[in-house]
Amino acid sequence: MKNYLLLFSIVVTFVFNVSGQVYVKNDATGANNGTSWANAYTDLQMAIDSAVEQEIWVAAGTYYPVSDELGNYSPIDQRTKTFHNNLSNLIGKFNILGGFNGSETSSSQRNPQINITILSGDLGMQEDNSDNSYHVFSVISNTNSNIIDGFQIIKGLANGVANSDQNGAGLNLLNSSLQLINCAFF
């Protein structure tokens, strides 16, 4: 009986998780599971990793990458930290929308010009560019029509030794398809 109950709860969790939106709000205080604004993830990468064919709604604020392209949360070189598509689901589609205030029920209610949503590569000492991430966002080998909409992408510094770390400070796009809408790079 316990096994059936466990299986039922896993199936219900999976079905619940693949419908609707995944919510991100850097100052949320709820369950940190992305199921609502109250229970929003506080980390954008966790939302990207958990989303399955869902839109990710991101509330105003500044977000920093916490893992490298391979999903390592303690990379040897902190500068390799980047927001990235879920490598366990390379063919998966993702749409990430910023500009929410954290109370919307429809994506048409968001306003990216007022609710500034920032993806920042300023990882180490604030305002010291020498320790910024090589790439703020990376999309590798994903040919779906993915969308990133409503963000300011700032403070990447692609000045690495490896060829792959010498281009794409704000966005490292390799063998991938992506639509950028209402985004600015600084």
N, C-alpha and C. Protein backbone atom coordinates (compact mmCIF):
# COMPACT_ATOMS: atom_id res chain seq x y z
N MET A 1 0.82 -1.19 0.00
CA MET A 1 0.00 0.00 0.00
C MET A 1 0.87 1.26 0.00
N LYS A 2 1.94 1.25 0.81
CA LYS A 2 2.81 2.41 0.87
C LYS A 2 3.45 2.69 -0.48
N ASN A 3 3.82 1.62 -1.21
CA ASN A 3 4.43 1.80 -2.54
C ASN A 3 3.46 2.45 -3.51
N TYR A 4 2.18 2.04 -3.46
CA TYR A 4 1.18 2.64 -4.33
C TYR A 4 0.96 4.11 -4.00
N LEU A 5 0.94 4.41 -2.71
CA LEU A 5 0.77 5.79 -2.27
C LEU A 5 1.94 6.65 -2.72
N LEU A 6 3.15 6.12 -2.60
CA LEU A 6 4.34 6.84 -3.04
C LEU A 6 4.29 7.07 -4.56
N LEU A 7 3.96 6.03 -5.31
CA LEU A 7 3.86 6.15 -6.76
C LEU A 7 2.79 7.17 -7.15
N PHE A 8 1.64 7.14 -6.48
CA PHE A 8 0.57 8.09 -6.76
C PHE A 8 1.04 9.52 -6.50
N SER A 9 1.74 9.75 -5.40
CA SER A 9 2.19 11.12 -5.10
C SER A 9 3.25 11.58 -6.09
N ILE A 10 4.10 10.67 -6.56
CA ILE A 10 5.09 11.04 -7.58
C ILE A 10 4.40 11.42 -8.87
N VAL A 11 3.40 10.64 -9.29
CA VAL A 11 2.67 10.93 -10.53
C VAL A 11 1.92 12.24 -10.41
N VAL A 12 1.25 12.48 -9.29
CA VAL A 12 0.52 13.72 -9.09
C VAL A 12 1.49 14.90 -9.11
N THR A 13 2.63 14.78 -8.46
CA THR A 13 3.63 15.85 -8.47
C THR A 13 4.11 16.12 -9.87
N PHE A 14 4.39 15.07 -10.66
CA PHE A 14 4.87 15.25 -12.03
C PHE A 14 3.81 15.92 -12.88
N VAL A 15 2.56 15.45 -12.79
CA VAL A 15 1.48 16.06 -13.59
C VAL A 15 1.29 17.51 -13.20
N PHE A 16 1.32 17.81 -11.90
CA PHE A 16 1.17 19.19 -11.45
C PHE A 16 2.31 20.05 -11.96
N ASN A 17 3.53 19.48 -11.99
CA ASN A 17 4.71 20.24 -12.35
C ASN A 17 4.79 20.55 -13.84
N VAL A 18 4.15 19.78 -14.71
CA VAL A 18 4.28 20.03 -16.14
C VAL A 18 3.17 20.91 -16.69
N SER A 19 2.31 21.40 -15.85
CA SER A 19 1.27 22.30 -16.33
C SER A 19 1.49 23.69 -15.74
N GLY A 20 1.02 24.71 -16.44
CA GLY A 20 1.12 26.05 -15.90
C GLY A 20 2.49 26.66 -16.03
N GLN A 21 2.80 27.55 -15.12
CA GLN A 21 4.05 28.29 -15.13
C GLN A 21 4.94 27.85 -13.96
N VAL A 22 6.19 28.20 -14.09
CA VAL A 22 7.13 28.07 -12.98
C VAL A 22 7.47 29.50 -12.57
N TYR A 23 7.36 29.80 -11.28
CA TYR A 23 7.52 31.16 -10.79
C TYR A 23 8.88 31.34 -10.11
N VAL A 24 9.48 32.53 -10.33
CA VAL A 24 10.76 32.87 -9.71
C VAL A 24 10.64 34.28 -9.13
N LYS A 25 11.01 34.42 -7.87
CA LYS A 25 10.99 35.73 -7.22
C LYS A 25 12.09 35.72 -6.17
N ASN A 26 13.08 36.58 -6.33
CA ASN A 26 14.28 36.48 -5.49
C ASN A 26 14.04 36.69 -4.00
N ASP A 27 12.92 37.30 -3.62
CA ASP A 27 12.66 37.49 -2.20
C ASP A 27 11.46 36.69 -1.69
N ALA A 28 11.07 35.65 -2.44
CA ALA A 28 9.94 34.81 -2.01
C ALA A 28 10.31 34.08 -0.73
N THR A 29 9.32 33.83 0.12
CA THR A 29 9.58 33.20 1.42
C THR A 29 8.82 31.89 1.62
N GLY A 30 8.14 31.43 0.59
CA GLY A 30 7.33 30.21 0.72
C GLY A 30 8.14 28.94 0.57
N ALA A 31 7.56 27.95 -0.09
CA ALA A 31 8.12 26.59 -0.19
C ALA A 31 9.30 26.47 -1.16
N ASN A 32 9.59 27.52 -1.95
CA ASN A 32 10.70 27.50 -2.90
C ASN A 32 10.58 26.34 -3.89
N ASN A 33 9.34 26.13 -4.40
CA ASN A 33 9.13 25.04 -5.36
C ASN A 33 8.59 25.52 -6.71
N GLY A 34 8.41 26.83 -6.87
CA GLY A 34 8.02 27.40 -8.15
C GLY A 34 6.57 27.24 -8.54
N THR A 35 5.71 26.79 -7.65
CA THR A 35 4.32 26.51 -8.00
C THR A 35 3.40 27.73 -7.97
N SER A 36 3.84 28.84 -7.38
CA SER A 36 3.04 30.06 -7.30
C SER A 36 3.98 31.21 -6.96
N TRP A 37 3.47 32.43 -7.00
CA TRP A 37 4.31 33.55 -6.59
C TRP A 37 4.70 33.42 -5.12
N ALA A 38 3.79 32.96 -4.28
CA ALA A 38 4.09 32.81 -2.85
C ALA A 38 5.15 31.74 -2.61
N ASN A 39 5.16 30.71 -3.44
CA ASN A 39 6.10 29.60 -3.29
C ASN A 39 7.17 29.59 -4.38
N ALA A 40 7.43 30.76 -4.94
CA ALA A 40 8.36 30.88 -6.07
C ALA A 40 9.76 30.41 -5.70
N TYR A 41 10.47 29.90 -6.72
CA TYR A 41 11.90 29.66 -6.56
C TYR A 41 12.56 31.02 -6.32
N THR A 42 13.60 31.03 -5.53
CA THR A 42 14.38 32.25 -5.36
C THR A 42 15.59 32.24 -6.29
N ASP A 43 15.85 31.11 -6.93
CA ASP A 43 16.99 30.95 -7.83
C ASP A 43 16.47 30.59 -9.23
N LEU A 44 16.83 31.39 -10.22
CA LEU A 44 16.37 31.17 -11.59
C LEU A 44 16.85 29.84 -12.15
N GLN A 45 18.08 29.44 -11.87
CA GLN A 45 18.59 28.19 -12.43
C GLN A 45 17.79 26.99 -11.94
N MET A 46 17.34 27.01 -10.69
CA MET A 46 16.50 25.92 -10.19
C MET A 46 15.21 25.83 -11.00
N ALA A 47 14.65 26.97 -11.36
CA ALA A 47 13.43 26.97 -12.17
C ALA A 47 13.71 26.43 -13.57
N ILE A 48 14.82 26.84 -14.16
CA ILE A 48 15.18 26.34 -15.49
C ILE A 48 15.36 24.83 -15.45
N ASP A 49 16.01 24.33 -14.42
CA ASP A 49 16.24 22.89 -14.29
C ASP A 49 14.96 22.11 -14.08
N SER A 50 13.96 22.71 -13.45
CA SER A 50 12.73 21.98 -13.13
C SER A 50 11.65 22.10 -14.20
N ALA A 51 11.71 23.11 -15.03
CA ALA A 51 10.63 23.36 -16.00
C ALA A 51 10.62 22.29 -17.08
N VAL A 52 9.43 21.82 -17.39
CA VAL A 52 9.23 20.86 -18.46
C VAL A 52 8.19 21.45 -19.41
N GLU A 53 8.67 22.00 -20.54
CA GLU A 53 7.76 22.61 -21.52
C GLU A 53 6.86 23.65 -20.87
N GLN A 54 7.39 24.44 -19.95
CA GLN A 54 6.61 25.45 -19.25
C GLN A 54 7.24 26.82 -19.45
N GLU A 55 6.45 27.86 -19.24
CA GLU A 55 7.00 29.21 -19.17
C GLU A 55 7.53 29.44 -17.77
N ILE A 56 8.63 30.15 -17.72
CA ILE A 56 9.20 30.54 -16.44
C ILE A 56 8.94 32.04 -16.29
N TRP A 57 8.19 32.41 -15.26
CA TRP A 57 7.86 33.80 -15.00
C TRP A 57 8.79 34.31 -13.90
N VAL A 58 9.52 35.41 -14.19
CA VAL A 58 10.51 35.92 -13.26
C VAL A 58 10.13 37.33 -12.81
N ALA A 59 10.03 37.51 -11.51
CA ALA A 59 9.68 38.81 -10.94
C ALA A 59 10.88 39.75 -10.96
N ALA A 60 10.59 41.04 -10.88
CA ALA A 60 11.63 42.07 -10.86
C ALA A 60 12.67 41.76 -9.79
N GLY A 61 13.91 42.12 -10.09
CA GLY A 61 15.01 41.89 -9.17
C GLY A 61 16.25 41.51 -9.94
N THR A 62 17.31 41.22 -9.22
CA THR A 62 18.58 40.83 -9.83
C THR A 62 18.86 39.38 -9.49
N TYR A 63 19.25 38.62 -10.50
CA TYR A 63 19.51 37.19 -10.37
C TYR A 63 20.92 36.89 -10.86
N TYR A 64 21.59 36.00 -10.14
CA TYR A 64 22.97 35.64 -10.45
C TYR A 64 23.06 34.14 -10.74
N PRO A 65 23.88 33.73 -11.70
CA PRO A 65 24.03 32.29 -11.96
C PRO A 65 24.73 31.61 -10.80
N VAL A 66 24.34 30.36 -10.53
CA VAL A 66 24.90 29.63 -9.40
C VAL A 66 25.65 28.36 -9.82
N SER A 67 25.54 27.97 -11.09
CA SER A 67 26.23 26.75 -11.53
C SER A 67 26.85 26.99 -12.89
N ASP A 68 27.75 26.08 -13.30
CA ASP A 68 28.36 26.22 -14.61
C ASP A 68 27.52 25.49 -15.66
N GLU A 69 27.95 25.51 -16.93
CA GLU A 69 27.18 24.91 -18.03
C GLU A 69 26.90 23.43 -17.81
N LEU A 70 27.72 22.74 -17.05
CA LEU A 70 27.54 21.31 -16.81
C LEU A 70 26.69 21.04 -15.58
N GLY A 71 26.21 22.10 -14.93
CA GLY A 71 25.37 21.93 -13.75
C GLY A 71 26.15 21.79 -12.46
N ASN A 72 27.44 22.03 -12.48
CA ASN A 72 28.25 21.96 -11.26
C ASN A 72 27.98 23.19 -10.41
N TYR A 73 27.54 22.99 -9.19
CA TYR A 73 27.22 24.12 -8.31
C TYR A 73 28.43 24.64 -7.57
N SER A 74 29.55 23.97 -7.65
CA SER A 74 30.79 24.47 -7.06
C SER A 74 31.90 24.38 -8.10
N PRO A 75 31.78 25.15 -9.17
CA PRO A 75 32.81 25.05 -10.21
C PRO A 75 34.17 25.51 -9.69
N ILE A 76 35.22 24.91 -10.24
CA ILE A 76 36.58 25.29 -9.86
C ILE A 76 36.81 26.76 -10.17
N ASP A 77 36.38 27.18 -11.34
CA ASP A 77 36.51 28.58 -11.74
C ASP A 77 35.14 29.24 -11.59
N GLN A 78 34.96 30.07 -10.59
CA GLN A 78 33.68 30.73 -10.36
C GLN A 78 33.18 31.48 -11.59
N ARG A 79 34.11 31.91 -12.45
CA ARG A 79 33.72 32.68 -13.63
C ARG A 79 32.99 31.84 -14.65
N THR A 80 32.98 30.52 -14.51
CA THR A 80 32.25 29.65 -15.46
C THR A 80 30.77 29.56 -15.10
N LYS A 81 30.37 30.18 -14.01
CA LYS A 81 28.95 30.16 -13.65
C LYS A 81 28.14 30.89 -14.72
N THR A 82 27.02 30.28 -15.11
CA THR A 82 26.17 30.83 -16.16
C THR A 82 24.76 30.28 -16.00
N PHE A 83 23.77 31.06 -16.35
CA PHE A 83 22.43 30.48 -16.48
C PHE A 83 22.49 29.63 -17.74
N HIS A 84 21.90 28.45 -17.71
CA HIS A 84 22.01 27.56 -18.85
C HIS A 84 20.76 26.72 -19.01
N ASN A 85 20.54 26.28 -20.28
CA ASN A 85 19.44 25.35 -20.52
C ASN A 85 19.75 24.04 -19.82
N ASN A 86 18.71 23.34 -19.44
CA ASN A 86 18.83 22.09 -18.70
C ASN A 86 19.50 21.04 -19.55
N LEU A 87 20.73 20.67 -19.23
CA LEU A 87 21.49 19.73 -20.05
C LEU A 87 20.94 18.32 -19.99
N SER A 88 20.11 18.00 -19.02
CA SER A 88 19.51 16.67 -19.00
C SER A 88 18.33 16.61 -19.97
N ASN A 89 17.94 17.75 -20.53
CA ASN A 89 16.81 17.80 -21.46
C ASN A 89 17.17 18.74 -22.59
N LEU A 90 18.23 18.43 -23.33
CA LEU A 90 18.73 19.34 -24.36
C LEU A 90 17.71 19.67 -25.43
N ILE A 91 16.76 18.76 -25.67
CA ILE A 91 15.79 19.04 -26.72
C ILE A 91 14.56 19.76 -26.17
N GLY A 92 14.53 20.03 -24.88
CA GLY A 92 13.38 20.68 -24.28
C GLY A 92 13.26 22.14 -24.66
N LYS A 93 12.04 22.63 -24.69
CA LYS A 93 11.78 24.02 -25.01
C LYS A 93 11.63 24.81 -23.71
N PHE A 94 12.13 26.03 -23.70
CA PHE A 94 11.93 26.89 -22.54
C PHE A 94 11.63 28.30 -23.00
N ASN A 95 10.72 28.94 -22.31
CA ASN A 95 10.42 30.36 -22.49
C ASN A 95 10.58 30.99 -21.12
N ILE A 96 11.43 32.01 -21.04
CA ILE A 96 11.69 32.67 -19.78
C ILE A 96 11.26 34.13 -19.93
N LEU A 97 10.29 34.54 -19.13
CA LEU A 97 9.73 35.88 -19.23
C LEU A 97 10.03 36.66 -17.95
N GLY A 98 10.64 37.82 -18.10
CA GLY A 98 10.88 38.71 -16.98
C GLY A 98 9.89 39.86 -17.00
N GLY A 99 9.98 40.74 -16.01
CA GLY A 99 9.14 41.93 -15.98
C GLY A 99 7.87 41.79 -15.17
N PHE A 100 7.79 40.81 -14.31
CA PHE A 100 6.62 40.64 -13.45
C PHE A 100 6.83 41.35 -12.12
N ASN A 101 5.73 41.77 -11.48
CA ASN A 101 5.86 42.36 -10.14
C ASN A 101 5.65 41.30 -9.06
N GLY A 102 5.18 40.13 -9.43
CA GLY A 102 5.00 39.05 -8.48
C GLY A 102 3.58 38.84 -8.02
N SER A 103 2.62 39.39 -8.77
CA SER A 103 1.21 39.16 -8.44
C SER A 103 0.37 38.80 -9.67
N GLU A 104 0.97 38.79 -10.84
CA GLU A 104 0.24 38.60 -12.09
C GLU A 104 -0.33 37.18 -12.21
N THR A 105 -1.43 37.09 -12.94
CA THR A 105 -2.04 35.80 -13.26
C THR A 105 -2.02 35.54 -14.76
N SER A 106 -1.55 36.53 -15.53
CA SER A 106 -1.45 36.40 -16.98
C SER A 106 -0.16 37.10 -17.42
N SER A 107 0.51 36.53 -18.42
CA SER A 107 1.76 37.15 -18.88
C SER A 107 1.50 38.51 -19.52
N SER A 108 0.29 38.78 -19.97
CA SER A 108 -0.02 40.08 -20.56
C SER A 108 -0.06 41.20 -19.50
N GLN A 109 -0.07 40.86 -18.23
CA GLN A 109 -0.10 41.85 -17.16
C GLN A 109 1.30 42.35 -16.78
N ARG A 110 2.34 41.71 -17.25
CA ARG A 110 3.70 42.10 -16.85
C ARG A 110 4.13 43.37 -17.56
N ASN A 111 5.12 44.06 -16.98
CA ASN A 111 5.63 45.28 -17.58
C ASN A 111 7.15 45.33 -17.38
N PRO A 112 7.92 44.84 -18.37
CA PRO A 112 9.38 44.80 -18.22
C PRO A 112 10.03 46.18 -18.08
N GLN A 113 9.37 47.24 -18.55
CA GLN A 113 9.96 48.58 -18.42
C GLN A 113 9.87 49.10 -16.99
N ILE A 114 8.87 48.68 -16.25
CA ILE A 114 8.70 49.11 -14.86
C ILE A 114 9.29 48.09 -13.90
N ASN A 115 9.04 46.82 -14.14
CA ASN A 115 9.52 45.74 -13.26
C ASN A 115 10.83 45.20 -13.82
N ILE A 116 11.90 45.94 -13.59
CA ILE A 116 13.21 45.63 -14.17
C ILE A 116 13.71 44.29 -13.62
N THR A 117 14.01 43.39 -14.54
CA THR A 117 14.48 42.06 -14.18
C THR A 117 15.87 41.89 -14.79
N ILE A 118 16.86 41.68 -13.92
CA ILE A 118 18.27 41.69 -14.33
C ILE A 118 18.89 40.31 -14.14
N LEU A 119 19.61 39.87 -15.17
CA LEU A 119 20.47 38.69 -15.06
C LEU A 119 21.89 39.23 -15.04
N SER A 120 22.60 39.02 -13.95
CA SER A 120 23.90 39.66 -13.76
C SER A 120 25.03 38.65 -13.62
N GLY A 121 26.14 38.95 -14.28
CA GLY A 121 27.34 38.14 -14.15
C GLY A 121 28.32 38.70 -13.14
N ASP A 122 27.92 39.69 -12.35
CA ASP A 122 28.78 40.32 -11.35
C ASP A 122 28.83 39.42 -10.11
N LEU A 123 29.68 38.39 -10.16
CA LEU A 123 29.64 37.31 -9.17
C LEU A 123 30.45 37.55 -7.91
N GLY A 124 31.67 37.97 -8.05
CA GLY A 124 32.56 38.10 -6.89
C GLY A 124 32.40 39.44 -6.23
N MET A 125 33.49 40.16 -6.17
CA MET A 125 33.48 41.49 -5.59
C MET A 125 32.62 42.39 -6.48
N GLN A 126 31.57 42.95 -5.90
CA GLN A 126 30.67 43.81 -6.67
C GLN A 126 31.44 44.97 -7.29
N GLU A 127 31.16 45.23 -8.55
CA GLU A 127 31.76 46.29 -9.35
C GLU A 127 33.23 46.04 -9.71
N ASP A 128 33.75 44.84 -9.41
CA ASP A 128 35.09 44.45 -9.87
C ASP A 128 34.88 43.51 -11.05
N ASN A 129 35.02 44.03 -12.27
CA ASN A 129 34.73 43.25 -13.47
C ASN A 129 35.64 42.04 -13.65
N SER A 130 36.81 42.02 -13.05
CA SER A 130 37.77 40.95 -13.29
C SER A 130 37.27 39.58 -12.82
N ASP A 131 36.27 39.53 -11.95
CA ASP A 131 35.76 38.25 -11.46
C ASP A 131 34.34 37.96 -11.96
N ASN A 132 33.89 38.68 -12.98
CA ASN A 132 32.56 38.44 -13.53
C ASN A 132 32.53 37.16 -14.35
N SER A 133 31.33 36.59 -14.50
CA SER A 133 31.20 35.35 -15.27
C SER A 133 31.55 35.58 -16.74
N TYR A 134 32.09 34.54 -17.38
CA TYR A 134 32.41 34.64 -18.80
C TYR A 134 31.14 34.84 -19.64
N HIS A 135 30.07 34.14 -19.26
CA HIS A 135 28.79 34.21 -19.99
C HIS A 135 27.67 34.29 -18.96
N VAL A 136 26.82 35.30 -19.06
CA VAL A 136 25.71 35.40 -18.13
C VAL A 136 24.69 34.31 -18.43
N PHE A 137 24.39 34.06 -19.71
CA PHE A 137 23.44 33.02 -20.09
C PHE A 137 24.04 32.21 -21.22
N SER A 138 23.90 30.88 -21.16
CA SER A 138 24.41 29.99 -22.20
C SER A 138 23.31 29.07 -22.68
N VAL A 139 23.17 28.96 -23.99
CA VAL A 139 22.24 28.00 -24.60
C VAL A 139 23.08 27.18 -25.57
N ILE A 140 23.24 25.91 -25.25
CA ILE A 140 24.11 25.03 -26.00
C ILE A 140 23.29 23.87 -26.58
N SER A 141 23.40 23.66 -27.88
CA SER A 141 22.78 22.50 -28.56
C SER A 141 21.29 22.37 -28.26
N ASN A 142 20.57 23.45 -28.40
CA ASN A 142 19.12 23.42 -28.22
C ASN A 142 18.52 24.14 -29.41
N THR A 143 17.89 23.39 -30.32
CA THR A 143 17.39 23.96 -31.57
C THR A 143 15.90 24.25 -31.56
N ASN A 144 15.27 24.23 -30.41
CA ASN A 144 13.86 24.61 -30.32
C ASN A 144 13.73 26.13 -30.44
N SER A 145 12.52 26.59 -30.61
CA SER A 145 12.26 28.03 -30.69
C SER A 145 12.09 28.58 -29.28
N ASN A 146 13.17 28.69 -28.56
CA ASN A 146 13.14 29.18 -27.19
C ASN A 146 13.06 30.70 -27.17
N ILE A 147 12.53 31.23 -26.08
CA ILE A 147 12.35 32.68 -25.96
C ILE A 147 12.89 33.15 -24.62
N ILE A 148 13.66 34.23 -24.65
CA ILE A 148 14.02 34.98 -23.45
C ILE A 148 13.47 36.38 -23.67
N ASP A 149 12.59 36.83 -22.78
CA ASP A 149 11.84 38.06 -23.01
C ASP A 149 11.77 38.89 -21.73
N GLY A 150 12.21 40.15 -21.82
CA GLY A 150 11.99 41.09 -20.72
C GLY A 150 13.12 41.16 -19.70
N PHE A 151 14.36 41.07 -20.14
CA PHE A 151 15.49 41.09 -19.21
C PHE A 151 16.54 42.12 -19.59
N GLN A 152 17.24 42.60 -18.58
CA GLN A 152 18.51 43.29 -18.78
C GLN A 152 19.58 42.27 -18.44
N ILE A 153 20.49 42.03 -19.36
CA ILE A 153 21.56 41.06 -19.15
C ILE A 153 22.85 41.85 -19.04
N ILE A 154 23.47 41.79 -17.85
CA ILE A 154 24.57 42.71 -17.56
C ILE A 154 25.81 42.01 -17.01
N LYS A 155 26.93 42.65 -17.18
CA LYS A 155 28.18 42.38 -16.51
C LYS A 155 28.79 41.01 -16.75
N GLY A 156 28.61 40.44 -17.95
CA GLY A 156 29.41 39.29 -18.34
C GLY A 156 30.75 39.80 -18.86
N LEU A 157 31.78 38.97 -18.78
CA LEU A 157 33.10 39.38 -19.26
C LEU A 157 33.78 38.18 -19.91
N ALA A 158 33.63 38.08 -21.23
CA ALA A 158 34.17 36.95 -21.99
C ALA A 158 35.62 37.23 -22.38
N ASN A 159 36.51 37.15 -21.41
CA ASN A 159 37.93 37.40 -21.67
C ASN A 159 38.78 36.21 -21.23
N GLY A 160 38.21 35.00 -21.32
CA GLY A 160 38.90 33.80 -20.87
C GLY A 160 39.99 33.35 -21.81
N VAL A 161 40.75 32.36 -21.37
CA VAL A 161 41.83 31.79 -22.15
C VAL A 161 41.27 30.84 -23.21
N ALA A 162 40.30 30.02 -22.86
CA ALA A 162 39.69 29.08 -23.81
C ALA A 162 38.89 29.85 -24.85
N ASN A 163 38.92 29.37 -26.09
CA ASN A 163 38.15 30.02 -27.16
C ASN A 163 36.68 30.18 -26.78
N SER A 164 36.12 29.17 -26.12
CA SER A 164 34.71 29.22 -25.75
C SER A 164 34.40 30.31 -24.73
N ASP A 165 35.40 30.81 -24.05
CA ASP A 165 35.20 31.87 -23.05
C ASP A 165 35.65 33.23 -23.53
N GLN A 166 35.83 33.38 -24.85
CA GLN A 166 36.28 34.65 -25.41
C GLN A 166 35.19 35.41 -26.15
N ASN A 167 34.00 34.83 -26.25
CA ASN A 167 32.88 35.48 -26.94
C ASN A 167 31.60 35.22 -26.15
N GLY A 168 30.63 36.09 -26.34
CA GLY A 168 29.32 35.86 -25.75
C GLY A 168 29.23 36.21 -24.29
N ALA A 169 29.69 37.37 -23.89
CA ALA A 169 29.67 37.76 -22.48
C ALA A 169 28.25 37.76 -21.91
N GLY A 170 27.31 38.34 -22.62
CA GLY A 170 25.92 38.35 -22.15
C GLY A 170 25.20 37.06 -22.47
N LEU A 171 25.45 36.55 -23.68
CA LEU A 171 24.76 35.35 -24.14
C LEU A 171 25.71 34.51 -24.98
N ASN A 172 25.96 33.29 -24.54
CA ASN A 172 26.76 32.33 -25.28
C ASN A 172 25.78 31.38 -25.97
N LEU A 173 25.64 31.52 -27.27
CA LEU A 173 24.68 30.74 -28.05
C LEU A 173 25.46 29.85 -29.00
N LEU A 174 25.35 28.53 -28.83
CA LEU A 174 26.11 27.59 -29.65
C LEU A 174 25.20 26.48 -30.16
N ASN A 175 25.11 26.34 -31.48
CA ASN A 175 24.26 25.31 -32.10
C ASN A 175 22.84 25.35 -31.55
N SER A 176 22.30 26.53 -31.44
CA SER A 176 21.00 26.70 -30.79
C SER A 176 20.16 27.74 -31.51
N SER A 177 18.88 27.72 -31.20
CA SER A 177 17.92 28.69 -31.72
C SER A 177 17.32 29.43 -30.53
N LEU A 178 17.21 30.75 -30.66
CA LEU A 178 16.70 31.53 -29.53
C LEU A 178 16.13 32.84 -30.05
N GLN A 179 14.99 33.23 -29.49
CA GLN A 179 14.41 34.55 -29.76
C GLN A 179 14.64 35.43 -28.53
N LEU A 180 15.23 36.59 -28.74
CA LEU A 180 15.36 37.57 -27.68
C LEU A 180 14.36 38.68 -27.93
N ILE A 181 13.52 38.96 -26.95
CA ILE A 181 12.48 39.98 -27.07
C ILE A 181 12.59 40.89 -25.85
N ASN A 182 12.53 42.18 -26.06
CA ASN A 182 12.57 43.14 -24.95
C ASN A 182 13.77 42.92 -24.05
N CYS A 183 14.92 42.59 -24.60
CA CYS A 183 16.13 42.37 -23.81
C CYS A 183 17.16 43.45 -24.15
N ALA A 184 17.93 43.82 -23.15
CA ALA A 184 19.02 44.79 -23.34
C ALA A 184 20.27 44.21 -22.73
N PHE A 185 21.40 44.43 -23.38
CA PHE A 185 22.68 43.94 -22.91
C PHE A 185 23.55 45.13 -22.51
N PHE A 186 24.12 45.04 -21.31
CA PHE A 186 24.99 46.10 -20.80
C PHE A 186 26.31 45.49 -20.36
